[in-house]
PDB file of N, CA and C in Angstrom:
ATOM      1  N   MET A   1     107.980 100.135 122.552  1.00  0.00           N
ATOM      2  CA  MET A   1     108.002  99.295 121.380  1.00  0.00           C
ATOM      3  C   MET A   1     106.587  98.831 121.083  1.00  0.00           C
ATOM      4  N   SER A   2     106.192  98.947 119.813  1.00  0.00           N
ATOM      5  CA  SER A   2     104.841  98.571 119.452  1.00  0.00           C
ATOM      6  C   SER A   2     104.835  97.523 118.348  1.00  0.00           C
ATOM      7  N   TRP A   3     104.677  96.271 118.743  1.00  0.00           N
ATOM      8  CA  TRP A   3     104.570  95.221 117.731  1.00  0.00           C
ATOM      9  C   TRP A   3     103.270  95.375 116.957  1.00  0.00           C
ATOM     10  N   HIS A   4     102.261  95.932 117.596  1.00  0.00           N
ATOM     11  CA  HIS A   4     100.990  96.180 116.915  1.00  0.00           C
ATOM     12  C   HIS A   4     101.197  97.113 115.726  1.00  0.00           C
ATOM     13  N   LEU A   5     101.876  98.227 115.945  1.00  0.00           N
ATOM     14  CA  LEU A   5     102.112  99.201 114.880  1.00  0.00           C
ATOM     15  C   LEU A   5     103.084  98.655 113.836  1.00  0.00           C
ATOM     16  N   VAL A   6     104.086  97.900 114.252  1.00  0.00           N
ATOM     17  CA  VAL A   6     105.013  97.270 113.310  1.00  0.00           C
ATOM     18  C   VAL A   6     104.238  96.326 112.380  1.00  0.00           C
ATOM     19  N   GLY A   7     103.296  95.587 112.939  1.00  0.00           N
ATOM     20  CA  GLY A   7     102.470  94.687 112.128  1.00  0.00           C
ATOM     21  C   GLY A   7     101.636  95.427 111.103  1.00  0.00           C
ATOM     22  N   ILE A   8     101.086  96.561 111.496  1.00  0.00           N
ATOM     23  CA  ILE A   8     100.286  97.365 110.568  1.00  0.00           C
ATOM     24  C   ILE A   8     101.163  97.879 109.428  1.00  0.00           C
ATOM     25  N   VAL A   9     102.320  98.455 109.772  1.00  0.00           N
ATOM     26  CA  VAL A   9     103.223  99.010 108.755  1.00  0.00           C
ATOM     27  C   VAL A   9     103.700  97.915 107.813  1.00  0.00           C
ATOM     28  N   SER A  10     103.981  96.740 108.344  1.00  0.00           N
ATOM     29  CA  SER A  10     104.519  95.661 107.507  1.00  0.00           C
ATOM     30  C   SER A  10     103.522  95.181 106.461  1.00  0.00           C
ATOM     31  N   GLN A  11     102.246  95.455 106.651  1.00  0.00           N
ATOM     32  CA  GLN A  11     101.226  95.026 105.698  1.00  0.00           C
ATOM     33  C   GLN A  11     100.903  96.082 104.654  1.00  0.00           C
ATOM     34  N   LYS A  12     101.586  97.225 104.702  1.00  0.00           N
ATOM     35  CA  LYS A  12     101.284  98.333 103.799  1.00  0.00           C
ATOM     36  C   LYS A  12     102.386  98.561 102.782  1.00  0.00           C
ATOM     37  N   ARG A  13     102.008  99.096 101.635  1.00  0.00           N
ATOM     38  CA  ARG A  13     102.968  99.476 100.605  1.00  0.00           C
ATOM     39  C   ARG A  13     103.413 100.903 100.901  1.00  0.00           C
ATOM     40  N   VAL A  14     104.715 101.121 101.074  1.00  0.00           N
ATOM     41  CA  VAL A  14     105.215 102.448 101.455  1.00  0.00           C
ATOM     42  C   VAL A  14     106.118 103.087 100.414  1.00  0.00           C
ATOM     43  N   GLY A  15     106.506 102.353  99.380  1.00  0.00           N
ATOM     44  CA  GLY A  15     107.215 102.993  98.275  1.00  0.00           C
ATOM     45  C   GLY A  15     108.619 102.508  97.992  1.00  0.00           C
ATOM     46  N   SER A  16     109.373 102.145  98.995  1.00  0.00           N
ATOM     47  CA  SER A  16     110.735 101.655  98.759  1.00  0.00           C
ATOM     48  C   SER A  16     111.229 100.924 100.005  1.00  0.00           C
ATOM     49  N   LEU A  17     112.316 100.212  99.829  1.00  0.00           N
ATOM     50  CA  LEU A  17     112.894  99.483 100.947  1.00  0.00           C
ATOM     51  C   LEU A  17     113.368 100.432 102.041  1.00  0.00           C
ATOM     52  N   ALA A  18     114.018 101.532 101.658  1.00  0.00           N
ATOM     53  CA  ALA A  18     114.507 102.501 102.643  1.00  0.00           C
ATOM     54  C   ALA A  18     113.339 103.109 103.426  1.00  0.00           C
ATOM     55  N   ARG A  19     112.258 103.462 102.717  1.00  0.00           N
ATOM     56  CA  ARG A  19     111.079 104.022 103.384  1.00  0.00           C
ATOM     57  C   ARG A  19     110.466 102.994 104.338  1.00  0.00           C
ATOM     58  N   ARG A  20     110.382 101.734 103.883  1.00  0.00           N
ATOM     59  CA  ARG A  20     109.808 100.674 104.721  1.00  0.00           C
ATOM     60  C   ARG A  20     110.642 100.486 105.989  1.00  0.00           C
ATOM     61  N   MET A  21     111.953 100.415 105.822  1.00  0.00           N
ATOM     62  CA  MET A  21     112.827 100.202 106.983  1.00  0.00           C
ATOM     63  C   MET A  21     112.702 101.346 107.984  1.00  0.00           C
ATOM     64  N   LEU A  22     112.668 102.590 107.482  1.00  0.00           N
ATOM     65  CA  LEU A  22     112.568 103.722 108.397  1.00  0.00           C
ATOM     66  C   LEU A  22     111.216 103.738 109.100  1.00  0.00           C
ATOM     67  N   LEU A  23     110.149 103.513 108.365  1.00  0.00           N
ATOM     68  CA  LEU A  23     108.824 103.525 108.988  1.00  0.00           C
ATOM     69  C   LEU A  23     108.683 102.374 109.986  1.00  0.00           C
ATOM     70  N   LEU A  24     109.240 101.211 109.684  1.00  0.00           N
ATOM     71  CA  LEU A  24     109.217 100.097 110.637  1.00  0.00           C
ATOM     72  C   LEU A  24     110.046 100.431 111.875  1.00  0.00           C
ATOM     73  N   SER A  25     111.182 101.083 111.677  1.00  0.00           N
ATOM     74  CA  SER A  25     112.026 101.468 112.815  1.00  0.00           C
ATOM     75  C   SER A  25     111.316 102.477 113.702  1.00  0.00           C
ATOM     76  N   MET A  26     110.630 103.438 113.089  1.00  0.00           N
ATOM     77  CA  MET A  26     109.889 104.428 113.869  1.00  0.00           C
ATOM     78  C   MET A  26     108.716 103.767 114.588  1.00  0.00           C
ATOM     79  N   ALA A  27     108.034 102.841 113.909  1.00  0.00           N
ATOM     80  CA  ALA A  27     106.932 102.112 114.540  1.00  0.00           C
ATOM     81  C   ALA A  27     107.440 101.280 115.711  1.00  0.00           C
ATOM     82  N   ASP A  28     108.635 100.732 115.566  1.00  0.00           N
ATOM     83  CA  ASP A  28     109.238  99.943 116.634  1.00  0.00           C
ATOM     84  C   ASP A  28     109.514 100.794 117.869  1.00  0.00           C
ATOM     85  N   LYS A  29     109.844 102.050 117.672  1.00  0.00           N
ATOM     86  CA  LYS A  29     110.141 102.949 118.784  1.00  0.00           C
ATOM     87  C   LYS A  29     108.877 103.576 119.388  1.00  0.00           C
ATOM     88  N   ALA A  30     107.749 103.489 118.687  1.00  0.00           N
ATOM     89  CA  ALA A  30     106.514 104.146 119.107  1.00  0.00           C
ATOM     90  C   ALA A  30     105.718 103.329 120.110  1.00  0.00           C
ATOM     91  N   ASN A  31     104.772 103.990 120.762  1.00  0.00           N
ATOM     92  CA  ASN A  31     103.762 103.314 121.571  1.00  0.00           C
ATOM     93  C   ASN A  31     102.706 102.754 120.626  1.00  0.00           C
ATOM     94  N   ASP A  32     101.774 101.947 121.144  1.00  0.00           N
ATOM     95  CA  ASP A  32     100.739 101.351 120.302  1.00  0.00           C
ATOM     96  C   ASP A  32      99.887 102.383 119.577  1.00  0.00           C
ATOM     97  N   ASP A  33      99.727 103.570 120.160  1.00  0.00           N
ATOM     98  CA  ASP A  33      98.916 104.609 119.514  1.00  0.00           C
ATOM     99  C   ASP A  33      99.736 105.496 118.578  1.00  0.00           C
ATOM    100  N   GLY A  34     101.018 105.175 118.384  1.00  0.00           N
ATOM    101  CA  GLY A  34     101.870 105.916 117.464  1.00  0.00           C
ATOM    102  C   GLY A  34     102.677 107.031 118.092  1.00  0.00           C
ATOM    103  N   THR A  35     102.457 107.309 119.362  1.00  0.00           N
ATOM    104  CA  THR A  35     103.150 108.417 120.016  1.00  0.00           C
ATOM    105  C   THR A  35     104.522 107.991 120.536  1.00  0.00           C
ATOM    106  N   GLY A  36     105.357 108.987 120.815  1.00  0.00           N
ATOM    107  CA  GLY A  36     106.585 108.754 121.551  1.00  0.00           C
ATOM    108  C   GLY A  36     107.793 108.269 120.769  1.00  0.00           C
ATOM    109  N   VAL A  37     107.917 108.658 119.498  1.00  0.00           N
ATOM    110  CA  VAL A  37     109.106 108.292 118.726  1.00  0.00           C
ATOM    111  C   VAL A  37     110.140 109.391 118.937  1.00  0.00           C
ATOM    112  N   PHE A  38     111.195 109.100 119.674  1.00  0.00           N
ATOM    113  CA  PHE A  38     112.206 110.119 119.913  1.00  0.00           C
ATOM    114  C   PHE A  38     113.623 109.601 119.695  1.00  0.00           C
ATOM    115  N   ALA A  39     113.798 108.753 118.710  1.00  0.00           N
ATOM    116  CA  ALA A  39     115.127 108.276 118.330  1.00  0.00           C
ATOM    117  C   ALA A  39     115.795 109.331 117.448  1.00  0.00           C
ATOM    118  N   SER A  40     117.089 109.494 117.611  1.00  0.00           N
ATOM    119  CA  SER A  40     117.827 110.469 116.810  1.00  0.00           C
ATOM    120  C   SER A  40     117.961 109.993 115.363  1.00  0.00           C
ATOM    121  N   PHE A  41     118.288 110.915 114.469  1.00  0.00           N
ATOM    122  CA  PHE A  41     118.536 110.549 113.076  1.00  0.00           C
ATOM    123  C   PHE A  41     119.671 109.523 113.004  1.00  0.00           C
ATOM    124  N   ALA A  42     120.691 109.706 113.831  1.00  0.00           N
ATOM    125  CA  ALA A  42     121.823 108.777 113.829  1.00  0.00           C
ATOM    126  C   ALA A  42     121.387 107.380 114.271  1.00  0.00           C
ATOM    127  N   THR A  43     120.545 107.297 115.290  1.00  0.00           N
ATOM    128  CA  THR A  43     120.044 106.004 115.755  1.00  0.00           C
ATOM    129  C   THR A  43     119.200 105.337 114.671  1.00  0.00           C
ATOM    130  N   LEU A  44     118.303 106.104 114.065  1.00  0.00           N
ATOM    131  CA  LEU A  44     117.462 105.558 113.006  1.00  0.00           C
ATOM    132  C   LEU A  44     118.305 105.119 111.813  1.00  0.00           C
ATOM    133  N   ALA A  45     119.325 105.898 111.462  1.00  0.00           N
ATOM    134  CA  ALA A  45     120.214 105.527 110.355  1.00  0.00           C
ATOM    135  C   ALA A  45     120.928 104.217 110.667  1.00  0.00           C
ATOM    136  N   SER A  46     121.363 104.062 111.897  1.00  0.00           N
ATOM    137  CA  SER A  46     122.033 102.824 112.298  1.00  0.00           C
ATOM    138  C   SER A  46     121.078 101.642 112.241  1.00  0.00           C
ATOM    139  N   MET A  47     119.850 101.827 112.715  1.00  0.00           N
ATOM    140  CA  MET A  47     118.853 100.752 112.685  1.00  0.00           C
ATOM    141  C   MET A  47     118.530 100.324 111.254  1.00  0.00           C
ATOM    142  N   CYS A  48     118.498 101.300 110.333  1.00  0.00           N
ATOM    143  CA  CYS A  48     118.126 101.032 108.940  1.00  0.00           C
ATOM    144  C   CYS A  48     119.324 100.709 108.054  1.00  0.00           C
ATOM    145  N   GLU A  49     120.524 100.802 108.632  1.00  0.00           N
ATOM    146  CA  GLU A  49     121.760 100.594 107.879  1.00  0.00           C
ATOM    147  C   GLU A  49     121.814 101.503 106.649  1.00  0.00           C
ATOM    148  N   THR A  50     121.544 102.775 106.888  1.00  0.00           N
ATOM    149  CA  THR A  50     121.597 103.782 105.836  1.00  0.00           C
ATOM    150  C   THR A  50     122.274 105.025 106.400  1.00  0.00           C
ATOM    151  N   SER A  51     122.304 106.086 105.615  1.00  0.00           N
ATOM    152  CA  SER A  51     122.995 107.294 106.051  1.00  0.00           C
ATOM    153  C   SER A  51     122.045 108.250 106.775  1.00  0.00           C
ATOM    154  N   ARG A  52     122.620 109.107 107.577  1.00  0.00           N
ATOM    155  CA  ARG A  52     121.847 110.128 108.286  1.00  0.00           C
ATOM    156  C   ARG A  52     121.124 111.068 107.310  1.00  0.00           C
ATOM    157  N   PRO A  53     121.784 111.531 106.204  1.00  0.00           N
ATOM    158  CA  PRO A  53     121.062 112.370 105.243  1.00  0.00           C
ATOM    159  C   PRO A  53     119.847 111.676 104.617  1.00  0.00           C
ATOM    160  N   THR A  54     119.956 110.369 104.390  1.00  0.00           N
ATOM    161  CA  THR A  54     118.814 109.627 103.854  1.00  0.00           C
ATOM    162  C   THR A  54     117.665 109.629 104.850  1.00  0.00           C
ATOM    163  N   VAL A  55     117.969 109.406 106.119  1.00  0.00           N
ATOM    164  CA  VAL A  55     116.935 109.422 107.156  1.00  0.00           C
ATOM    165  C   VAL A  55     116.292 110.804 107.226  1.00  0.00           C
ATOM    166  N   LYS A  56     117.093 111.864 107.193  1.00  0.00           N
ATOM    167  CA  LYS A  56     116.540 113.218 107.245  1.00  0.00           C
ATOM    168  C   LYS A  56     115.609 113.478 106.064  1.00  0.00           C
ATOM    169  N   ARG A  57     116.016 113.037 104.865  1.00  0.00           N
ATOM    170  CA  ARG A  57     115.188 113.235 103.669  1.00  0.00           C
ATOM    171  C   ARG A  57     113.875 112.463 103.788  1.00  0.00           C
ATOM    172  N   LEU A  58     113.955 111.209 104.243  1.00  0.00           N
ATOM    173  CA  LEU A  58     112.747 110.393 104.358  1.00  0.00           C
ATOM    174  C   LEU A  58     111.811 110.905 105.454  1.00  0.00           C
ATOM    175  N   VAL A  59     112.369 111.381 106.555  1.00  0.00           N
ATOM    176  CA  VAL A  59     111.536 111.953 107.618  1.00  0.00           C
ATOM    177  C   VAL A  59     110.784 113.165 107.070  1.00  0.00           C
ATOM    178  N   LYS A  60     111.468 113.996 106.279  1.00  0.00           N
ATOM    179  CA  LYS A  60     110.797 115.150 105.672  1.00  0.00           C
ATOM    180  C   LYS A  60     109.677 114.689 104.735  1.00  0.00           C
ATOM    181  N   GLU A  61     109.928 113.636 103.947  1.00  0.00           N
ATOM    182  CA  GLU A  61     108.886 113.094 103.073  1.00  0.00           C
ATOM    183  C   GLU A  61     107.691 112.608 103.896  1.00  0.00           C
ATOM    184  N   PHE A  62     107.962 111.867 104.970  1.00  0.00           N
ATOM    185  CA  PHE A  62     106.877 111.361 105.820  1.00  0.00           C
ATOM    186  C   PHE A  62     106.083 112.500 106.439  1.00  0.00           C
ATOM    187  N   LEU A  63     106.782 113.567 106.856  1.00  0.00           N
ATOM    188  CA  LEU A  63     106.099 114.738 107.412  1.00  0.00           C
ATOM    189  C   LEU A  63     105.202 115.379 106.352  1.00  0.00           C
ATOM    190  N   ASP A  64     105.732 115.551 105.141  1.00  0.00           N
ATOM    191  CA  ASP A  64     104.971 116.164 104.048  1.00  0.00           C
ATOM    192  C   ASP A  64     103.759 115.326 103.665  1.00  0.00           C
ATOM    193  N   GLU A  65     103.882 113.999 103.750  1.00  0.00           N
ATOM    194  CA  GLU A  65     102.793 113.088 103.391  1.00  0.00           C
ATOM    195  C   GLU A  65     101.805 112.878 104.542  1.00  0.00           C
ATOM    196  N   GLY A  66     102.123 113.359 105.726  1.00  0.00           N
ATOM    197  CA  GLY A  66     101.238 113.206 106.874  1.00  0.00           C
ATOM    198  C   GLY A  66     101.332 111.856 107.558  1.00  0.00           C
ATOM    199  N   LEU A  67     102.359 111.070 107.251  1.00  0.00           N
ATOM    200  CA  LEU A  67     102.510 109.763 107.894  1.00  0.00           C
ATOM    201  C   LEU A  67     103.032 109.896 109.320  1.00  0.00           C
ATOM    202  N   ILE A  68     103.787 110.968 109.588  1.00  0.00           N
ATOM    203  CA  ILE A  68     104.275 111.254 110.936  1.00  0.00           C
ATOM    204  C   ILE A  68     104.047 112.737 111.226  1.00  0.00           C
ATOM    205  N   ARG A  69     104.082 113.089 112.521  1.00  0.00           N
ATOM    206  CA  ARG A  69     103.944 114.482 112.956  1.00  0.00           C
ATOM    207  C   ARG A  69     105.107 114.808 113.887  1.00  0.00           C
ATOM    208  N   HIS A  70     105.640 116.011 113.742  1.00  0.00           N
ATOM    209  CA  HIS A  70     106.667 116.498 114.670  1.00  0.00           C
ATOM    210  C   HIS A  70     105.923 117.092 115.858  1.00  0.00           C
ATOM    211  N   VAL A  71     106.183 116.586 117.057  1.00  0.00           N
ATOM    212  CA  VAL A  71     105.434 117.045 118.231  1.00  0.00           C
ATOM    213  C   VAL A  71     106.281 117.807 119.236  1.00  0.00           C
ATOM    214  N   GLY A  72     107.593 117.881 119.000  1.00  0.00           N
ATOM    215  CA  GLY A  72     108.408 118.648 119.927  1.00  0.00           C
ATOM    216  C   GLY A  72     109.841 118.174 119.983  1.00  0.00           C
ATOM    217  N   ILE A  73     110.526 118.673 120.994  1.00  0.00           N
ATOM    218  CA  ILE A  73     111.932 118.342 121.210  1.00  0.00           C
ATOM    219  C   ILE A  73     112.073 117.791 122.618  1.00  0.00           C
ATOM    220  N   ARG A  74     112.862 116.744 122.765  1.00  0.00           N
ATOM    221  CA  ARG A  74     113.105 116.109 124.061  1.00  0.00           C
ATOM    222  C   ARG A  74     114.570 116.236 124.425  1.00  0.00           C
ATOM    223  N   ALA A  75     114.827 116.430 125.682  1.00  0.00           N
ATOM    224  CA  ALA A  75     116.212 116.441 126.167  1.00  0.00           C
ATOM    225  C   ALA A  75     116.746 115.016 126.176  1.00  0.00           C
ATOM    226  N   CYS A  76     118.035 114.880 125.884  1.00  0.00           N
ATOM    227  CA  CYS A  76     118.686 113.583 125.947  1.00  0.00           C
ATOM    228  C   CYS A  76     120.137 113.784 126.365  1.00  0.00           C
ATOM    229  N   LEU A  77     120.879 112.714 126.465  1.00  0.00           N
ATOM    230  CA  LEU A  77     122.267 112.796 126.920  1.00  0.00           C
ATOM    231  C   LEU A  77     123.137 113.677 126.025  1.00  0.00           C
ATOM    232  N   ASN A  78     122.852 113.690 124.743  1.00  0.00           N
ATOM    233  CA  ASN A  78     123.657 114.474 123.801  1.00  0.00           C
ATOM    234  C   ASN A  78     123.072 115.849 123.521  1.00  0.00           C
ATOM    235  N   GLY A  79     122.147 116.310 124.320  1.00  0.00           N
ATOM    236  CA  GLY A  79     121.533 117.620 124.118  1.00  0.00           C
ATOM    237  C   GLY A  79     120.030 117.501 123.962  1.00  0.00           C
ATOM    238  N   HIS A  80     119.583 117.309 122.722  1.00  0.00           N
ATOM    239  CA  HIS A  80     118.148 117.156 122.470  1.00  0.00           C
ATOM    240  C   HIS A  80     117.921 116.308 121.226  1.00  0.00           C
ATOM    241  N   THR A  81     116.713 115.813 121.096  1.00  0.00           N
ATOM    242  CA  THR A  81     116.304 115.066 119.913  1.00  0.00           C
ATOM    243  C   THR A  81     114.859 115.411 119.600  1.00  0.00           C
ATOM    244  N   ASN A  82     114.484 115.271 118.347  1.00  0.00           N
ATOM    245  CA  ASN A  82     113.114 115.546 117.929  1.00  0.00           C
ATOM    246  C   ASN A  82     112.203 114.401 118.346  1.00  0.00           C
ATOM    247  N   GLU A  83     110.970 114.754 118.648  1.00  0.00           N
ATOM    248  CA  GLU A  83     109.977 113.730 118.982  1.00  0.00           C
ATOM    249  C   GLU A  83     108.900 113.733 117.912  1.00  0.00           C
ATOM    250  N   TYR A  84     108.537 112.546 117.452  1.00  0.00           N
ATOM    251  CA  TYR A  84     107.537 112.383 116.408  1.00  0.00           C
ATOM    252  C   TYR A  84     106.430 111.459 116.878  1.00  0.00           C
ATOM    253  N   ASP A  85     105.279 111.588 116.252  1.00  0.00           N
ATOM    254  CA  ASP A  85     104.180 110.635 116.399  1.00  0.00           C
ATOM    255  C   ASP A  85     103.920 110.030 115.033  1.00  0.00           C
ATOM    256  N   VAL A  86     103.682 108.736 114.982  1.00  0.00           N
ATOM    257  CA  VAL A  86     103.274 108.071 113.747  1.00  0.00           C
ATOM    258  C   VAL A  86     101.757 108.192 113.672  1.00  0.00           C
ATOM    259  N   ASP A  87     101.243 108.664 112.538  1.00  0.00           N
ATOM    260  CA  ASP A  87      99.801 108.807 112.361  1.00  0.00           C
ATOM    261  C   ASP A  87      99.225 107.452 111.935  1.00  0.00           C
ATOM    262  N   VAL A  88      98.652 106.742 112.878  1.00  0.00           N
ATOM    263  CA  VAL A  88      98.153 105.392 112.636  1.00  0.00           C
ATOM    264  C   VAL A  88      97.059 105.392 111.571  1.00  0.00           C
ATOM    265  N   ALA A  89      96.190 106.386 111.588  1.00  0.00           N
ATOM    266  CA  ALA A  89      95.118 106.465 110.587  1.00  0.00           C
ATOM    267  C   ALA A  89      95.696 106.628 109.185  1.00  0.00           C
ATOM    268  N   ALA A  90      96.736 107.432 109.049  1.00  0.00           N
ATOM    269  CA  ALA A  90      97.372 107.620 107.742  1.00  0.00           C
ATOM    270  C   ALA A  90      98.044 106.334 107.272  1.00  0.00           C
ATOM    271  N   ILE A  91      98.637 105.599 108.196  1.00  0.00           N
ATOM    272  CA  ILE A  91      99.270 104.320 107.842  1.00  0.00           C
ATOM    273  C   ILE A  91      98.202 103.321 107.391  1.00  0.00           C
ATOM    274  N   LEU A  92      97.087 103.276 108.119  1.00  0.00           N
ATOM    275  CA  LEU A  92      95.998 102.362 107.747  1.00  0.00           C
ATOM    276  C   LEU A  92      95.422 102.689 106.381  1.00  0.00           C
ATOM    277  N   ALA A  93      95.492 103.955 105.969  1.00  0.00           N
ATOM    278  CA  ALA A  93      94.951 104.378 104.678  1.00  0.00           C
ATOM    279  C   ALA A  93      95.868 104.021 103.511  1.00  0.00           C
ATOM    280  N   LEU A  94      97.115 103.634 103.787  1.00  0.00           N
ATOM    281  CA  LEU A  94      98.030 103.248 102.713  1.00  0.00           C
ATOM    282  C   LEU A  94      97.536 101.971 102.047  1.00  0.00           C
ATOM    283  N   PRO A  95      97.883 101.773 100.760  1.00  0.00           N
ATOM    284  CA  PRO A  95      97.455 100.542 100.093  1.00  0.00           C
ATOM    285  C   PRO A  95      98.158  99.317 100.666  1.00  0.00           C
ATOM    286  N   ALA A  96      97.498  98.184 100.536  1.00  0.00           N
ATOM    287  CA  ALA A  96      98.070  96.931 101.022  1.00  0.00           C
ATOM    288  C   ALA A  96      99.257  96.533 100.163  1.00  0.00           C
ATOM    289  N   ARG A  97     100.166  95.765 100.756  1.00  0.00           N
ATOM    290  CA  ARG A  97     101.299  95.236  99.999  1.00  0.00           C
ATOM    291  C   ARG A  97     100.798  94.348  98.882  1.00  0.00           C
ATOM    292  N   ALA A  98     101.581  94.196  97.839  1.00  0.00           N
ATOM    293  CA  ALA A  98     101.191  93.392  96.681  1.00  0.00           C
ATOM    294  C   ALA A  98     100.867  91.952  97.066  1.00  0.00           C
ATOM    295  N   ASP A  99     101.647  91.349  97.957  1.00  0.00           N
ATOM    296  CA  ASP A  99     101.365  89.965  98.319  1.00  0.00           C
ATOM    297  C   ASP A  99     100.049  89.835  99.075  1.00  0.00           C
ATOM    298  N   GLU A 100      99.671  90.883  99.834  1.00  0.00           N
ATOM    299  CA  GLU A 100      98.367  90.869 100.511  1.00  0.00           C
ATOM    300  C   GLU A 100      97.244  90.967  99.470  1.00  0.00           C
ATOM    301  N   GLU A 101      97.461  91.774  98.419  1.00  0.00           N
ATOM    302  CA  GLU A 101      96.468  91.896  97.356  1.00  0.00           C
ATOM    303  C   GLU A 101      96.322  90.576  96.606  1.00  0.00           C
ATOM    304  N   LEU A 102      97.437  89.904  96.360  1.00  0.00           N
ATOM    305  CA  LEU A 102      97.386  88.613  95.677  1.00  0.00           C
ATOM    306  C   LEU A 102      96.646  87.575  96.510  1.00  0.00           C
ATOM    307  N   LYS A 103      96.882  87.546  97.814  1.00  0.00           N
ATOM    308  CA  LYS A 103      96.171  86.612  98.689  1.00  0.00           C
ATOM    309  C   LYS A 103      94.672  86.868  98.642  1.00  0.00           C
ATOM    310  N   ALA A 104      94.286  88.139  98.689  1.00  0.00           N
ATOM    311  CA  ALA A 104      92.861  88.488  98.636  1.00  0.00           C
ATOM    312  C   ALA A 104      92.256  88.075  97.300  1.00  0.00           C
ATOM    313  N   ALA A 105      92.995  88.277  96.209  1.00  0.00           N
ATOM    314  CA  ALA A 105      92.489  87.901  94.887  1.00  0.00           C
ATOM    315  C   ALA A 105      92.341  86.392  94.776  1.00  0.00           C
ATOM    316  N   ARG A 106      93.280  85.648  95.333  1.00  0.00           N
ATOM    317  CA  ARG A 106      93.195  84.188  95.284  1.00  0.00           C
ATOM    318  C   ARG A 106      91.997  83.676  96.058  1.00  0.00           C
ATOM    319  N   LYS A 107      91.680  84.304  97.169  1.00  0.00           N
ATOM    320  CA  LYS A 107      90.529  83.875  97.969  1.00  0.00           C
ATOM    321  C   LYS A 107      89.232  84.082  97.208  1.00  0.00           C
ATOM    322  N   THR A 108      89.137  85.177  96.459  1.00  0.00           N
ATOM    323  CA  THR A 108      87.892  85.446  95.740  1.00  0.00           C
ATOM    324  C   THR A 108      87.753  84.564  94.511  1.00  0.00           C
ATOM    325  N   ARG A 109      88.866  84.086  93.936  1.00  0.00           N
ATOM    326  CA  ARG A 109      88.801  83.239  92.744  1.00  0.00           C
ATOM    327  C   ARG A 109      88.644  81.770  93.087  1.00  0.00           C
ATOM    328  N   ARG A 110      88.907  81.416  94.303  1.00  0.00           N
ATOM    329  CA  ARG A 110      88.892  80.004  94.692  1.00  0.00           C
ATOM    330  C   ARG A 110      87.457  79.482  94.661  1.00  0.00           C
ATOM    331  N   THR A 111      87.276  78.386  93.975  1.00  0.00           N
ATOM    332  CA  THR A 111      85.965  77.747  93.956  1.00  0.00           C
ATOM    333  C   THR A 111      86.104  76.337  94.518  1.00  0.00           C
ATOM    334  N   VAL A 112      85.043  75.870  95.103  1.00  0.00           N
ATOM    335  CA  VAL A 112      85.042  74.535  95.693  1.00  0.00           C
ATOM    336  C   VAL A 112      84.156  73.651  94.836  1.00  0.00           C
ATOM    337  N   ASN A 113      84.692  72.519  94.448  1.00  0.00           N
ATOM    338  CA  ASN A 113      83.920  71.555  93.670  1.00  0.00           C
ATOM    339  C   ASN A 113      83.032  70.781  94.635  1.00  0.00           C
ATOM    340  N   PRO A 114      81.712  70.898  94.506  1.00  0.00           N
ATOM    341  CA  PRO A 114      80.816  70.245  95.465  1.00  0.00           C
ATOM    342  C   PRO A 114      80.780  68.721  95.328  1.00  0.00           C
ATOM    343  N   VAL A 115      81.389  68.174  94.293  1.00  0.00           N
ATOM    344  CA  VAL A 115      81.320  66.734  94.041  1.00  0.00           C
ATOM    345  C   VAL A 115      82.312  65.978  94.862  1.00  0.00           C
TER     346      VAL A 115
END
């Protein structure tokens, strides 16, 4: 579990609530460097309270966008599961959330009355 990576993802704009939930869930399962995500589609769907087909579609989108990498297959109790790495550099390159942009804009506009 990586609270560090969850914090990074939570500060970025990712496109939709479903995408945010899935990326946060994957970050939660990852190590601090983004490696070691091996939760099944069913587990991720349960964590995000969405359907397995939605998770599969979003994982494909993340792969196409370079936000995650498929690194192999791991054995598990039910046979096997895919293993992914979250690309931390790609996540850092995403734009900041709107509220983070507003906070930054407010800081630059703030003036102090010297009187």
